[in-house]
């Protein structure tokens, strides 16, 4: 078997494994994740007064809604990256460009979360900020993942 065929087979296997993992991750998220913060409020919301809880939930939902378009763009960028990787000829410049776009999109999402956290922190007292910091340190869902493994 030639070296090129071996490389193509290994690349195909790696991409198939990534695709299967991506699909399993998406499907499992739909079963284990609540549709909305309102249905299953995070532990932090329980520690806050009702008005602060509403502020927290509304702020997080706003960030989630703002990031929907970014999620779509990230999926599209990932598909373009996979297309570049599976093309007959590898285009390093296109690959690098798409990866940079992907990192930029993820940065935008994190910046929005950071800005929302800053706005919440300005309105919270010290105890509420401590709860917020603890929530950010140990976000919900990590405990679930540990139990599943």
N, C-alpha and C. Protein backbone atom coordinates (compact mmCIF):
# COMPACT_ATOMS: atom_id res chain seq x y z
N UNK A 1 0.85 -1.17 0.00
CA UNK A 1 0.00 0.00 0.00
C UNK A 1 0.90 1.24 0.00
N UNK A 2 0.55 2.20 -0.83
CA UNK A 2 1.39 3.40 -0.94
C UNK A 2 1.19 4.30 0.28
N UNK A 3 2.15 5.17 0.46
CA UNK A 3 2.12 6.10 1.59
C UNK A 3 0.90 7.03 1.52
N UNK A 4 0.54 7.47 0.33
CA UNK A 4 -0.60 8.36 0.15
C UNK A 4 -1.90 7.68 0.57
N UNK A 5 -2.08 6.45 0.19
CA UNK A 5 -3.30 5.72 0.57
C UNK A 5 -3.36 5.53 2.08
N UNK A 6 -2.23 5.21 2.69
CA UNK A 6 -2.20 5.05 4.15
C UNK A 6 -2.59 6.36 4.84
N UNK A 7 -2.08 7.47 4.35
CA UNK A 7 -2.40 8.77 4.93
C UNK A 7 -3.89 9.07 4.77
N UNK A 8 -4.43 8.78 3.59
CA UNK A 8 -5.85 9.02 3.35
C UNK A 8 -6.72 8.15 4.26
N UNK A 9 -6.35 6.91 4.46
CA UNK A 9 -7.13 6.00 5.33
C UNK A 9 -7.09 6.50 6.77
N UNK A 10 -5.91 6.86 7.25
CA UNK A 10 -5.77 7.35 8.62
C UNK A 10 -6.55 8.65 8.78
N UNK A 11 -6.45 9.55 7.81
CA UNK A 11 -7.20 10.82 7.87
C UNK A 11 -8.70 10.56 7.90
N UNK A 12 -9.14 9.63 7.07
CA UNK A 12 -10.57 9.28 7.03
C UNK A 12 -11.02 8.72 8.37
N UNK A 13 -10.23 7.85 8.96
CA UNK A 13 -10.59 7.29 10.27
C UNK A 13 -10.68 8.38 11.33
N UNK A 14 -9.71 9.27 11.35
CA UNK A 14 -9.69 10.35 12.35
C UNK A 14 -10.93 11.24 12.17
N UNK A 15 -11.23 11.61 10.94
CA UNK A 15 -12.40 12.46 10.70
C UNK A 15 -13.70 11.74 11.05
N UNK A 16 -13.78 10.45 10.76
CA UNK A 16 -14.98 9.69 11.12
C UNK A 16 -15.15 9.62 12.63
N UNK A 17 -14.06 9.43 13.35
CA UNK A 17 -14.13 9.39 14.82
C UNK A 17 -14.58 10.74 15.36
N UNK A 18 -14.03 11.83 14.79
CA UNK A 18 -14.44 13.16 15.22
C UNK A 18 -15.92 13.40 14.93
N UNK A 19 -16.37 12.98 13.77
CA UNK A 19 -17.77 13.15 13.39
C UNK A 19 -18.68 12.36 14.32
N UNK A 20 -18.32 11.13 14.60
CA UNK A 20 -19.13 10.31 15.50
C UNK A 20 -19.17 10.94 16.90
N UNK A 21 -18.05 11.41 17.39
CA UNK A 21 -18.01 12.07 18.70
C UNK A 21 -18.86 13.33 18.71
N UNK A 22 -18.80 14.09 17.64
CA UNK A 22 -19.60 15.30 17.54
C UNK A 22 -21.09 14.97 17.57
N UNK A 23 -21.49 13.97 16.81
CA UNK A 23 -22.90 13.58 16.76
C UNK A 23 -23.36 13.05 18.11
N UNK A 24 -22.57 12.21 18.74
CA UNK A 24 -22.94 11.68 20.05
C UNK A 24 -23.04 12.81 21.07
N UNK A 25 -22.12 13.75 21.01
CA UNK A 25 -22.15 14.90 21.92
C UNK A 25 -23.40 15.74 21.73
N UNK A 26 -23.76 16.00 20.49
CA UNK A 26 -24.96 16.79 20.22
C UNK A 26 -26.22 16.08 20.70
N UNK A 27 -26.30 14.78 20.40
CA UNK A 27 -27.49 14.02 20.80
C UNK A 27 -27.59 13.94 22.32
N UNK A 28 -26.47 13.66 22.99
CA UNK A 28 -26.51 13.54 24.45
C UNK A 28 -26.84 14.88 25.11
N UNK A 29 -26.39 15.99 24.53
CA UNK A 29 -26.72 17.30 25.10
C UNK A 29 -28.21 17.56 25.05
N UNK A 30 -28.86 17.09 24.01
CA UNK A 30 -30.30 17.32 23.91
C UNK A 30 -31.07 16.55 24.96
N UNK A 31 -30.54 15.40 25.38
CA UNK A 31 -31.23 14.61 26.38
C UNK A 31 -30.92 15.07 27.81
N UNK A 32 -29.71 15.50 28.06
CA UNK A 32 -29.29 15.80 29.43
C UNK A 32 -29.32 17.27 29.79
N UNK A 33 -29.48 18.13 28.82
CA UNK A 33 -29.47 19.57 29.08
C UNK A 33 -30.89 20.09 29.04
N UNK A 34 -31.21 20.97 29.96
CA UNK A 34 -32.53 21.61 29.94
C UNK A 34 -32.63 22.56 28.77
N UNK A 35 -33.84 22.79 28.30
CA UNK A 35 -34.03 23.68 27.17
C UNK A 35 -33.81 25.14 27.56
N UNK A 36 -34.05 25.46 28.81
CA UNK A 36 -33.97 26.85 29.21
C UNK A 36 -33.48 26.94 30.65
N UNK A 37 -32.87 28.06 30.96
CA UNK A 37 -32.45 28.30 32.33
C UNK A 37 -33.66 28.39 33.26
N UNK A 38 -34.80 28.80 32.72
CA UNK A 38 -36.00 28.95 33.55
C UNK A 38 -36.52 27.59 34.01
N UNK A 39 -36.37 26.57 33.22
CA UNK A 39 -36.88 25.25 33.59
C UNK A 39 -36.04 24.63 34.71
N UNK A 40 -34.74 24.85 34.62
CA UNK A 40 -33.86 24.26 35.61
C UNK A 40 -32.83 25.32 36.01
N UNK A 41 -33.21 26.21 36.94
CA UNK A 41 -32.30 27.30 37.28
C UNK A 41 -31.01 26.77 37.91
N UNK A 42 -29.90 27.40 37.58
CA UNK A 42 -28.64 26.97 38.17
C UNK A 42 -28.66 27.16 39.69
N UNK A 43 -27.75 26.47 40.31
CA UNK A 43 -27.65 26.52 41.77
C UNK A 43 -27.46 27.96 42.25
N UNK A 44 -26.78 28.76 41.47
CA UNK A 44 -26.55 30.15 41.84
C UNK A 44 -27.87 30.89 41.99
N UNK A 45 -28.79 30.68 41.06
CA UNK A 45 -30.06 31.39 41.09
C UNK A 45 -30.83 31.10 42.38
N UNK A 46 -30.68 29.91 42.91
CA UNK A 46 -31.36 29.54 44.14
C UNK A 46 -30.81 30.33 45.33
N UNK A 47 -29.53 30.70 45.28
CA UNK A 47 -28.90 31.43 46.37
C UNK A 47 -29.20 32.93 46.34
N UNK A 48 -29.82 33.39 45.27
CA UNK A 48 -30.08 34.83 45.12
C UNK A 48 -31.50 35.18 45.51
N UNK A 49 -31.71 36.45 45.79
CA UNK A 49 -33.07 36.92 46.05
C UNK A 49 -33.86 36.82 44.74
N UNK A 50 -35.18 36.80 44.81
CA UNK A 50 -35.99 36.64 43.58
C UNK A 50 -35.68 37.66 42.48
N UNK A 51 -35.47 38.94 42.87
CA UNK A 51 -35.19 39.94 41.84
C UNK A 51 -33.80 39.73 41.23
N UNK A 52 -32.83 39.34 42.06
CA UNK A 52 -31.47 39.06 41.56
C UNK A 52 -31.48 37.79 40.70
N UNK A 53 -32.27 36.82 41.11
CA UNK A 53 -32.39 35.59 40.34
C UNK A 53 -32.94 35.90 38.94
N UNK A 54 -33.96 36.74 38.89
CA UNK A 54 -34.55 37.11 37.61
C UNK A 54 -33.53 37.85 36.75
N UNK A 55 -32.77 38.76 37.37
CA UNK A 55 -31.73 39.49 36.65
C UNK A 55 -30.69 38.53 36.09
N UNK A 56 -30.23 37.58 36.92
CA UNK A 56 -29.24 36.60 36.50
C UNK A 56 -29.76 35.77 35.32
N UNK A 57 -30.95 35.22 35.46
CA UNK A 57 -31.52 34.36 34.41
C UNK A 57 -31.73 35.14 33.12
N UNK A 58 -32.28 36.35 33.23
CA UNK A 58 -32.50 37.17 32.04
C UNK A 58 -31.18 37.52 31.34
N UNK A 59 -30.16 37.83 32.13
CA UNK A 59 -28.86 38.16 31.55
C UNK A 59 -28.26 36.96 30.83
N UNK A 60 -28.31 35.79 31.45
CA UNK A 60 -27.75 34.59 30.82
C UNK A 60 -28.54 34.19 29.57
N UNK A 61 -29.85 34.35 29.62
CA UNK A 61 -30.65 34.04 28.43
C UNK A 61 -30.34 35.02 27.31
N UNK A 62 -30.12 36.29 27.66
CA UNK A 62 -29.77 37.29 26.66
C UNK A 62 -28.45 36.91 25.98
N UNK A 63 -27.47 36.51 26.76
CA UNK A 63 -26.19 36.09 26.19
C UNK A 63 -26.39 34.87 25.29
N UNK A 64 -27.20 33.93 25.75
CA UNK A 64 -27.47 32.72 24.97
C UNK A 64 -28.11 33.08 23.63
N UNK A 65 -29.08 33.98 23.65
CA UNK A 65 -29.76 34.39 22.41
C UNK A 65 -28.78 35.13 21.49
N UNK A 66 -27.97 36.01 22.06
CA UNK A 66 -26.99 36.75 21.26
C UNK A 66 -25.98 35.80 20.61
N UNK A 67 -25.67 34.70 21.27
CA UNK A 67 -24.66 33.77 20.77
C UNK A 67 -25.21 32.73 19.80
N UNK A 68 -26.53 32.70 19.60
CA UNK A 68 -27.10 31.70 18.67
C UNK A 68 -26.50 31.83 17.27
N UNK A 69 -26.41 33.05 16.78
CA UNK A 69 -25.85 33.25 15.45
C UNK A 69 -24.37 32.84 15.41
N UNK A 70 -23.67 33.12 16.50
CA UNK A 70 -22.26 32.74 16.57
C UNK A 70 -22.13 31.21 16.53
N UNK A 71 -23.01 30.51 17.24
CA UNK A 71 -22.98 29.04 17.21
C UNK A 71 -23.14 28.54 15.78
N UNK A 72 -24.05 29.16 15.04
CA UNK A 72 -24.27 28.77 13.65
C UNK A 72 -23.01 29.03 12.84
N UNK A 73 -22.40 30.17 13.03
CA UNK A 73 -21.17 30.50 12.30
C UNK A 73 -20.03 29.55 12.67
N UNK A 74 -19.97 29.14 13.93
CA UNK A 74 -18.94 28.19 14.36
C UNK A 74 -19.15 26.85 13.66
N UNK A 75 -20.40 26.38 13.60
CA UNK A 75 -20.68 25.12 12.90
C UNK A 75 -20.26 25.21 11.44
N UNK A 76 -20.57 26.34 10.81
CA UNK A 76 -20.21 26.53 9.40
C UNK A 76 -18.68 26.57 9.24
N UNK A 77 -18.00 27.25 10.13
CA UNK A 77 -16.53 27.32 10.06
C UNK A 77 -15.92 25.93 10.25
N UNK A 78 -16.47 25.16 11.17
CA UNK A 78 -15.97 23.79 11.37
C UNK A 78 -16.17 22.94 10.12
N UNK A 79 -17.31 23.10 9.47
CA UNK A 79 -17.56 22.35 8.24
C UNK A 79 -16.57 22.75 7.15
N UNK A 80 -16.27 24.05 7.05
CA UNK A 80 -15.29 24.50 6.06
C UNK A 80 -13.91 23.92 6.38
N UNK A 81 -13.58 23.87 7.67
CA UNK A 81 -12.29 23.30 8.07
C UNK A 81 -12.24 21.83 7.69
N UNK A 82 -13.31 21.10 7.95
CA UNK A 82 -13.34 19.68 7.59
C UNK A 82 -13.25 19.51 6.07
N UNK A 83 -13.87 20.40 5.33
CA UNK A 83 -13.78 20.33 3.87
C UNK A 83 -12.35 20.55 3.39
N UNK A 84 -11.69 21.51 4.00
CA UNK A 84 -10.30 21.78 3.64
C UNK A 84 -9.43 20.58 3.97
N UNK A 85 -9.66 19.98 5.13
CA UNK A 85 -8.86 18.83 5.53
C UNK A 85 -9.07 17.62 4.63
N UNK A 86 -10.27 17.47 4.10
CA UNK A 86 -10.57 16.29 3.29
C UNK A 86 -10.42 16.54 1.80
N UNK A 87 -10.05 17.75 1.41
CA UNK A 87 -9.85 18.07 -0.01
C UNK A 87 -8.66 17.29 -0.57
N UNK A 88 -8.66 17.05 -1.86
CA UNK A 88 -7.54 16.31 -2.47
C UNK A 88 -6.20 16.99 -2.22
N UNK A 89 -6.19 18.33 -2.27
CA UNK A 89 -4.97 19.08 -1.99
C UNK A 89 -5.20 19.92 -0.73
N UNK A 90 -4.29 19.81 0.22
CA UNK A 90 -4.41 20.58 1.46
C UNK A 90 -3.99 22.01 1.20
N UNK A 91 -4.87 22.96 1.51
CA UNK A 91 -4.61 24.39 1.35
C UNK A 91 -4.33 24.98 2.73
N UNK A 92 -3.06 25.11 3.04
CA UNK A 92 -2.66 25.55 4.37
C UNK A 92 -3.16 26.96 4.70
N UNK A 93 -3.12 27.85 3.73
CA UNK A 93 -3.56 29.23 3.96
C UNK A 93 -5.06 29.28 4.28
N UNK A 94 -5.86 28.53 3.54
CA UNK A 94 -7.31 28.49 3.80
C UNK A 94 -7.59 27.87 5.16
N UNK A 95 -6.87 26.81 5.45
CA UNK A 95 -7.04 26.15 6.76
C UNK A 95 -6.74 27.13 7.88
N UNK A 96 -5.61 27.81 7.79
CA UNK A 96 -5.21 28.75 8.84
C UNK A 96 -6.23 29.88 8.96
N UNK A 97 -6.73 30.37 7.84
CA UNK A 97 -7.72 31.44 7.85
C UNK A 97 -9.01 31.01 8.55
N UNK A 98 -9.48 29.82 8.24
CA UNK A 98 -10.71 29.31 8.87
C UNK A 98 -10.52 29.05 10.36
N UNK A 99 -9.36 28.54 10.73
CA UNK A 99 -9.09 28.30 12.15
C UNK A 99 -9.06 29.63 12.91
N UNK A 100 -8.47 30.64 12.31
CA UNK A 100 -8.44 31.96 12.95
C UNK A 100 -9.85 32.52 13.11
N UNK A 101 -10.71 32.33 12.09
CA UNK A 101 -12.11 32.77 12.20
C UNK A 101 -12.82 32.03 13.33
N UNK A 102 -12.55 30.74 13.43
CA UNK A 102 -13.17 29.92 14.48
C UNK A 102 -12.75 30.43 15.86
N UNK A 103 -11.47 30.70 16.03
CA UNK A 103 -11.00 31.23 17.32
C UNK A 103 -11.59 32.61 17.61
N UNK A 104 -11.73 33.42 16.58
CA UNK A 104 -12.31 34.74 16.76
C UNK A 104 -13.78 34.63 17.20
N UNK A 105 -14.52 33.72 16.58
CA UNK A 105 -15.93 33.53 16.96
C UNK A 105 -16.05 33.05 18.40
N UNK A 106 -15.21 32.11 18.79
CA UNK A 106 -15.24 31.64 20.18
C UNK A 106 -14.86 32.77 21.14
N UNK A 107 -13.93 33.62 20.72
CA UNK A 107 -13.56 34.77 21.53
C UNK A 107 -14.71 35.74 21.72
N UNK A 108 -15.49 35.94 20.66
CA UNK A 108 -16.66 36.82 20.75
C UNK A 108 -17.65 36.27 21.77
N UNK A 109 -17.88 34.97 21.72
CA UNK A 109 -18.80 34.35 22.68
C UNK A 109 -18.31 34.55 24.11
N UNK A 110 -17.03 34.32 24.33
CA UNK A 110 -16.47 34.47 25.68
C UNK A 110 -16.51 35.93 26.13
N UNK A 111 -16.28 36.85 25.20
CA UNK A 111 -16.34 38.28 25.54
C UNK A 111 -17.74 38.68 25.97
N UNK A 112 -18.75 38.15 25.28
CA UNK A 112 -20.13 38.45 25.66
C UNK A 112 -20.45 37.92 27.05
N UNK A 113 -19.98 36.72 27.34
CA UNK A 113 -20.20 36.16 28.68
C UNK A 113 -19.45 36.98 29.72
N UNK A 114 -18.26 37.38 29.40
CA UNK A 114 -17.46 38.21 30.31
C UNK A 114 -18.14 39.54 30.58
N UNK A 115 -18.66 40.16 29.54
CA UNK A 115 -19.35 41.44 29.70
C UNK A 115 -20.62 41.28 30.55
N UNK A 116 -21.35 40.20 30.33
CA UNK A 116 -22.56 39.95 31.11
C UNK A 116 -22.20 39.72 32.57
N UNK A 117 -21.13 38.99 32.81
CA UNK A 117 -20.68 38.74 34.18
C UNK A 117 -20.29 40.05 34.85
N UNK A 118 -19.61 40.91 34.12
CA UNK A 118 -19.19 42.22 34.66
C UNK A 118 -20.41 43.05 35.04
N UNK A 119 -21.42 43.07 34.16
CA UNK A 119 -22.63 43.84 34.44
C UNK A 119 -23.36 43.28 35.66
N UNK A 120 -23.42 41.96 35.79
CA UNK A 120 -24.04 41.36 36.97
C UNK A 120 -23.26 41.73 38.23
N UNK A 121 -21.94 41.63 38.15
CA UNK A 121 -21.10 41.90 39.32
C UNK A 121 -21.25 43.34 39.80
N UNK A 122 -21.47 44.27 38.88
CA UNK A 122 -21.66 45.67 39.27
C UNK A 122 -22.94 45.86 40.07
N UNK A 123 -23.92 44.97 39.84
CA UNK A 123 -25.21 45.12 40.50
C UNK A 123 -25.35 44.22 41.73
N UNK A 124 -24.43 43.29 41.92
CA UNK A 124 -24.50 42.35 43.05
C UNK A 124 -23.71 42.88 44.23
N UNK A 125 -24.12 42.47 45.44
CA UNK A 125 -23.32 42.78 46.63
C UNK A 125 -22.21 41.73 46.74
N UNK A 126 -21.39 41.85 47.79
CA UNK A 126 -20.23 40.97 47.91
C UNK A 126 -20.64 39.50 48.02
N UNK A 127 -21.64 39.18 48.80
CA UNK A 127 -22.07 37.78 48.95
C UNK A 127 -22.58 37.21 47.63
N UNK A 128 -23.33 38.02 46.92
CA UNK A 128 -23.85 37.58 45.62
C UNK A 128 -22.71 37.38 44.62
N UNK A 129 -21.70 38.25 44.68
CA UNK A 129 -20.54 38.10 43.80
C UNK A 129 -19.74 36.85 44.16
N UNK A 130 -19.68 36.53 45.45
CA UNK A 130 -19.01 35.29 45.86
C UNK A 130 -19.74 34.08 45.27
N UNK A 131 -21.06 34.11 45.33
CA UNK A 131 -21.85 33.02 44.74
C UNK A 131 -21.64 32.96 43.24
N UNK A 132 -21.59 34.12 42.59
CA UNK A 132 -21.36 34.17 41.15
C UNK A 132 -19.98 33.59 40.82
N UNK A 133 -18.97 33.97 41.59
CA UNK A 133 -17.62 33.45 41.36
C UNK A 133 -17.58 31.93 41.53
N UNK A 134 -18.25 31.44 42.55
CA UNK A 134 -18.29 29.99 42.77
C UNK A 134 -19.01 29.29 41.63
N UNK A 135 -20.07 29.91 41.14
CA UNK A 135 -20.81 29.35 40.00
C UNK A 135 -19.91 29.29 38.77
N UNK A 136 -19.12 30.33 38.53
CA UNK A 136 -18.23 30.36 37.37
C UNK A 136 -17.08 29.37 37.55
N UNK A 137 -16.66 29.17 38.79
CA UNK A 137 -15.57 28.22 39.05
C UNK A 137 -16.03 26.79 38.83
N UNK A 138 -17.26 26.48 39.21
CA UNK A 138 -17.82 25.13 39.09
C UNK A 138 -19.18 25.21 38.41
N UNK A 139 -19.19 25.45 37.09
CA UNK A 139 -20.49 25.60 36.41
C UNK A 139 -21.31 24.32 36.45
N UNK A 140 -22.62 24.47 36.41
CA UNK A 140 -23.47 23.27 36.42
C UNK A 140 -23.21 22.46 35.15
N UNK A 141 -23.41 21.17 35.27
CA UNK A 141 -23.16 20.30 34.13
C UNK A 141 -21.88 19.53 34.28
N UNK A 142 -20.88 20.13 34.90
CA UNK A 142 -19.63 19.40 35.13
C UNK A 142 -19.86 18.25 36.09
N UNK A 143 -20.69 18.46 37.09
CA UNK A 143 -20.98 17.40 38.04
C UNK A 143 -21.68 16.25 37.34
N UNK A 144 -22.57 16.59 36.42
CA UNK A 144 -23.29 15.57 35.66
C UNK A 144 -22.32 14.77 34.82
N UNK A 145 -21.39 15.44 34.17
CA UNK A 145 -20.44 14.75 33.32
C UNK A 145 -19.57 13.79 34.13
N UNK A 146 -19.17 14.21 35.32
CA UNK A 146 -18.36 13.33 36.15
C UNK A 146 -19.12 12.08 36.55
N UNK A 147 -20.42 12.24 36.82
CA UNK A 147 -21.22 11.10 37.22
C UNK A 147 -21.44 10.15 36.05
N UNK A 148 -21.57 10.69 34.84
CA UNK A 148 -21.80 9.86 33.67
C UNK A 148 -20.58 9.03 33.35
N UNK A 149 -19.40 9.60 33.52
CA UNK A 149 -18.17 8.87 33.23
C UNK A 149 -17.99 7.79 34.25
